Amino acid sequence: MKMRAQRLDDEQLDRIFAALSDRTRRRILLRLRSGPATVTELTALAGLSQPAVSKHCKVLEEAGLVRPERDAQRIHRIIELAPLIRAAVFVSQFEVQVDARLDRLEAHLQSGTDEERP
């Protein structure tokens, strides 16, 4: 059962990062930070056709990053933060290693600067 849960987690992360890999979808998410929007409203932002924006929204929905919400006759897209937090947690696992490498690089650059002084 644990192996299956890990595979589902991996598949979710794959969908999240695949959705985030496209700049148009990232722009849509940035727009949705300020509140819900319809596909028509997002079309003006992206400069794409309504079917193209709908496809991008579908990818974001499948990744769990956006959810549709019906309001009378219109459907608004709303950002979901939990998958973004999941991706941030995954990436943050590497923060310690990146910081250590940057510290070593800084020390190396400093030691080179010190040697050049008479």
C-alpha atoms as a PDB file:
ATOM      1  CA  MET A   1       0.000   0.000   0.000  1.00  0.00           C
ATOM      2  CA  LYS A   2       2.870   2.398   0.800  1.00  0.00           C
ATOM      3  CA  MET A   3       4.424   1.800  -2.634  1.00  0.00           C
ATOM      4  CA  ARG A   4       1.129   2.682  -4.325  1.00  0.00           C
ATOM      5  CA  ALA A   5       0.782   5.880  -2.261  1.00  0.00           C
ATOM      6  CA  GLN A   6       4.334   6.880  -3.257  1.00  0.00           C
ATOM      7  CA  ARG A   7       3.523   6.246  -6.920  1.00  0.00           C
ATOM      8  CA  LEU A   8       0.394   8.417  -6.632  1.00  0.00           C
ATOM      9  CA  ASP A   9       2.463  11.171  -4.970  1.00  0.00           C
ATOM     10  CA  ASP A  10       5.042  10.925  -7.765  1.00  0.00           C
ATOM     11  CA  GLU A  11       2.324  11.074 -10.422  1.00  0.00           C
ATOM     12  CA  GLN A  12       0.791  14.129  -8.757  1.00  0.00           C
ATOM     13  CA  LEU A  13       4.169  15.875  -8.677  1.00  0.00           C
ATOM     14  CA  ASP A  14       4.705  14.966 -12.348  1.00  0.00           C
ATOM     15  CA  ARG A  15       1.377  16.613 -13.256  1.00  0.00           C
ATOM     16  CA  ILE A  16       2.124  19.682 -11.123  1.00  0.00           C
ATOM     17  CA  PHE A  17       5.589  20.284 -12.570  1.00  0.00           C
ATOM     18  CA  ALA A  18       4.389  19.538 -16.122  1.00  0.00           C
ATOM     19  CA  ALA A  19       1.648  22.135 -15.699  1.00  0.00           C
ATOM     20  CA  LEU A  20       4.103  24.654 -14.270  1.00  0.00           C
ATOM     21  CA  SER A  21       6.563  24.100 -17.120  1.00  0.00           C
ATOM     22  CA  ASP A  22       4.506  26.254 -19.489  1.00  0.00           C
ATOM     23  CA  ARG A  23       4.812  30.045 -19.219  1.00  0.00           C
ATOM     24  CA  THR A  24       1.200  30.662 -20.260  1.00  0.00           C
ATOM     25  CA  ARG A  25      -0.056  28.424 -17.467  1.00  0.00           C
ATOM     26  CA  ARG A  26       2.241  30.189 -15.002  1.00  0.00           C
ATOM     27  CA  ARG A  27       0.824  33.548 -16.168  1.00  0.00           C
ATOM     28  CA  ILE A  28      -2.691  32.202 -15.638  1.00  0.00           C
ATOM     29  CA  LEU A  29      -1.780  31.146 -12.099  1.00  0.00           C
ATOM     30  CA  LEU A  30      -0.252  34.546 -11.404  1.00  0.00           C
ATOM     31  CA  ARG A  31      -3.469  36.200 -12.572  1.00  0.00           C
ATOM     32  CA  LEU A  32      -5.581  33.878 -10.411  1.00  0.00           C
ATOM     33  CA  ARG A  33      -3.633  34.963  -7.317  1.00  0.00           C
ATOM     34  CA  SER A  34      -5.694  38.148  -7.374  1.00  0.00           C
ATOM     35  CA  GLY A  35      -8.998  36.268  -7.559  1.00  0.00           C
ATOM     36  CA  PRO A  36     -11.199  34.000  -9.669  1.00  0.00           C
ATOM     37  CA  ALA A  37     -11.477  34.578 -13.409  1.00  0.00           C
ATOM     38  CA  THR A  38     -13.431  33.216 -16.346  1.00  0.00           C
ATOM     39  CA  VAL A  39     -11.760  31.769 -19.425  1.00  0.00           C
ATOM     40  CA  THR A  40     -12.841  34.905 -21.291  1.00  0.00           C
ATOM     41  CA  GLU A  41     -11.052  37.104 -18.760  1.00  0.00           C
ATOM     42  CA  LEU A  42      -7.973  34.899 -18.954  1.00  0.00           C
ATOM     43  CA  THR A  43      -8.034  35.080 -22.758  1.00  0.00           C
ATOM     44  CA  ALA A  44      -7.370  38.817 -22.609  1.00  0.00           C
ATOM     45  CA  LEU A  45      -4.412  38.201 -20.297  1.00  0.00           C
ATOM     46  CA  ALA A  46      -2.798  35.459 -22.345  1.00  0.00           C
ATOM     47  CA  GLY A  47      -3.489  36.889 -25.794  1.00  0.00           C
ATOM     48  CA  LEU A  48      -4.659  33.445 -26.939  1.00  0.00           C
ATOM     49  CA  SER A  49      -7.896  32.095 -28.310  1.00  0.00           C
ATOM     50  CA  GLN A  50     -10.576  30.936 -25.904  1.00  0.00           C
ATOM     51  CA  PRO A  51     -10.096  27.237 -26.872  1.00  0.00           C
ATOM     52  CA  ALA A  52      -6.339  27.538 -26.242  1.00  0.00           C
ATOM     53  CA  VAL A  53      -6.883  29.095 -22.799  1.00  0.00           C
ATOM     54  CA  SER A  54      -9.480  26.403 -22.024  1.00  0.00           C
ATOM     55  CA  LYS A  55      -6.889  23.727 -22.821  1.00  0.00           C
ATOM     56  CA  HIS A  56      -4.356  25.383 -20.528  1.00  0.00           C
ATOM     57  CA  CYS A  57      -6.983  25.575 -17.782  1.00  0.00           C
ATOM     58  CA  LYS A  58      -7.762  21.879 -18.266  1.00  0.00           C
ATOM     59  CA  VAL A  59      -4.078  21.005 -17.722  1.00  0.00           C
ATOM     60  CA  LEU A  60      -4.036  23.158 -14.587  1.00  0.00           C
ATOM     61  CA  GLU A  61      -7.218  21.455 -13.347  1.00  0.00           C
ATOM     62  CA  GLU A  62      -5.804  17.971 -13.976  1.00  0.00           C
ATOM     63  CA  ALA A  63      -2.755  18.940 -11.931  1.00  0.00           C
ATOM     64  CA  GLY A  64      -5.049  20.164  -9.160  1.00  0.00           C
ATOM     65  CA  LEU A  65      -3.692  23.699  -9.407  1.00  0.00           C
ATOM     66  CA  VAL A  66      -7.013  25.225 -10.445  1.00  0.00           C
ATOM     67  CA  ARG A  67     -10.620  24.290  -9.833  1.00  0.00           C
ATOM     68  CA  PRO A  68     -13.696  25.402 -11.728  1.00  0.00           C
ATOM     69  CA  GLU A  69     -16.560  26.957  -9.806  1.00  0.00           C
ATOM     70  CA  ARG A  70     -19.919  27.646 -11.399  1.00  0.00           C
ATOM     71  CA  ASP A  71     -21.574  30.947 -10.583  1.00  0.00           C
ATOM     72  CA  ALA A  72     -25.002  31.043 -12.245  1.00  0.00           C
ATOM     73  CA  GLN A  73     -24.112  30.896 -15.954  1.00  0.00           C
ATOM     74  CA  ARG A  74     -20.380  31.489 -15.742  1.00  0.00           C
ATOM     75  CA  ILE A  75     -17.548  29.231 -14.673  1.00  0.00           C
ATOM     76  CA  HIS A  76     -14.716  30.851 -12.773  1.00  0.00           C
ATOM     77  CA  ARG A  77     -11.298  29.285 -12.308  1.00  0.00           C
ATOM     78  CA  ILE A  78      -9.934  29.440  -8.778  1.00  0.00           C
ATOM     79  CA  ILE A  79      -6.344  28.753  -7.748  1.00  0.00           C
ATOM     80  CA  GLU A  80      -5.684  25.825  -5.411  1.00  0.00           C
ATOM     81  CA  LEU A  81      -2.678  26.396  -3.168  1.00  0.00           C
ATOM     82  CA  ALA A  82      -2.198  22.868  -1.761  1.00  0.00           C
ATOM     83  CA  PRO A  83      -0.489  21.476  -4.917  1.00  0.00           C
ATOM     84  CA  LEU A  84       1.778  24.535  -5.089  1.00  0.00           C
ATOM     85  CA  ILE A  85       2.742  23.959  -1.468  1.00  0.00           C
ATOM     86  CA  ARG A  86       3.401  20.287  -2.292  1.00  0.00           C
ATOM     87  CA  ALA A  87       5.767  21.336  -5.111  1.00  0.00           C
ATOM     88  CA  ALA A  88       7.470  23.917  -2.886  1.00  0.00           C
ATOM     89  CA  VAL A  89       8.041  21.295  -0.175  1.00  0.00           C
ATOM     90  CA  PHE A  90       9.621  18.984  -2.739  1.00  0.00           C
ATOM     91  CA  VAL A  91      11.938  21.708  -4.058  1.00  0.00           C
ATOM     92  CA  SER A  92      12.823  22.903  -0.537  1.00  0.00           C
ATOM     93  CA  GLN A  93      14.417  19.505   0.157  1.00  0.00           C
ATOM     94  CA  PHE A  94      17.355  20.692  -1.938  1.00  0.00           C
ATOM     95  CA  GLU A  95      17.743  24.054  -0.208  1.00  0.00           C
ATOM     96  CA  VAL A  96      20.390  22.839   2.249  1.00  0.00           C
ATOM     97  CA  GLN A  97      22.560  21.419  -0.545  1.00  0.00           C
ATOM     98  CA  VAL A  98      22.200  24.527  -2.692  1.00  0.00           C
ATOM     99  CA  ASP A  99      23.058  26.786   0.250  1.00  0.00           C
ATOM    100  CA  ALA A 100      26.132  24.678   1.069  1.00  0.00           C
ATOM    101  CA  ARG A 101      27.357  24.884  -2.527  1.00  0.00           C
ATOM    102  CA  LEU A 102      26.811  28.612  -2.657  1.00  0.00           C
ATOM    103  CA  ASP A 103      28.734  28.995   0.605  1.00  0.00           C
ATOM    104  CA  ARG A 104      31.643  26.976  -0.839  1.00  0.00           C
ATOM    105  CA  LEU A 105      31.572  29.052  -4.014  1.00  0.00           C
ATOM    106  CA  GLU A 106      31.595  32.276  -2.020  1.00  0.00           C
ATOM    107  CA  ALA A 107      34.531  31.014   0.086  1.00  0.00           C
ATOM    108  CA  HIS A 108      36.411  30.018  -3.046  1.00  0.00           C
ATOM    109  CA  LEU A 109      35.815  33.402  -4.667  1.00  0.00           C
ATOM    110  CA  GLN A 110      36.876  35.178  -1.485  1.00  0.00           C
ATOM    111  CA  SER A 111      40.061  33.144  -1.239  1.00  0.00           C
ATOM    112  CA  GLY A 112      40.910  34.021  -4.864  1.00  0.00           C
ATOM    113  CA  THR A 113      40.360  37.703  -4.154  1.00  0.00           C
ATOM    114  CA  ASP A 114      42.594  37.564  -1.078  1.00  0.00           C
ATOM    115  CA  GLU A 115      45.435  35.915  -3.044  1.00  0.00           C
ATOM    116  CA  GLU A 116      45.423  38.614  -5.718  1.00  0.00           C
ATOM    117  CA  ARG A 117      46.119  41.395  -3.197  1.00  0.00           C
ATOM    118  CA  PRO A 118      49.791  42.296  -2.654  1.00  0.00           C
END
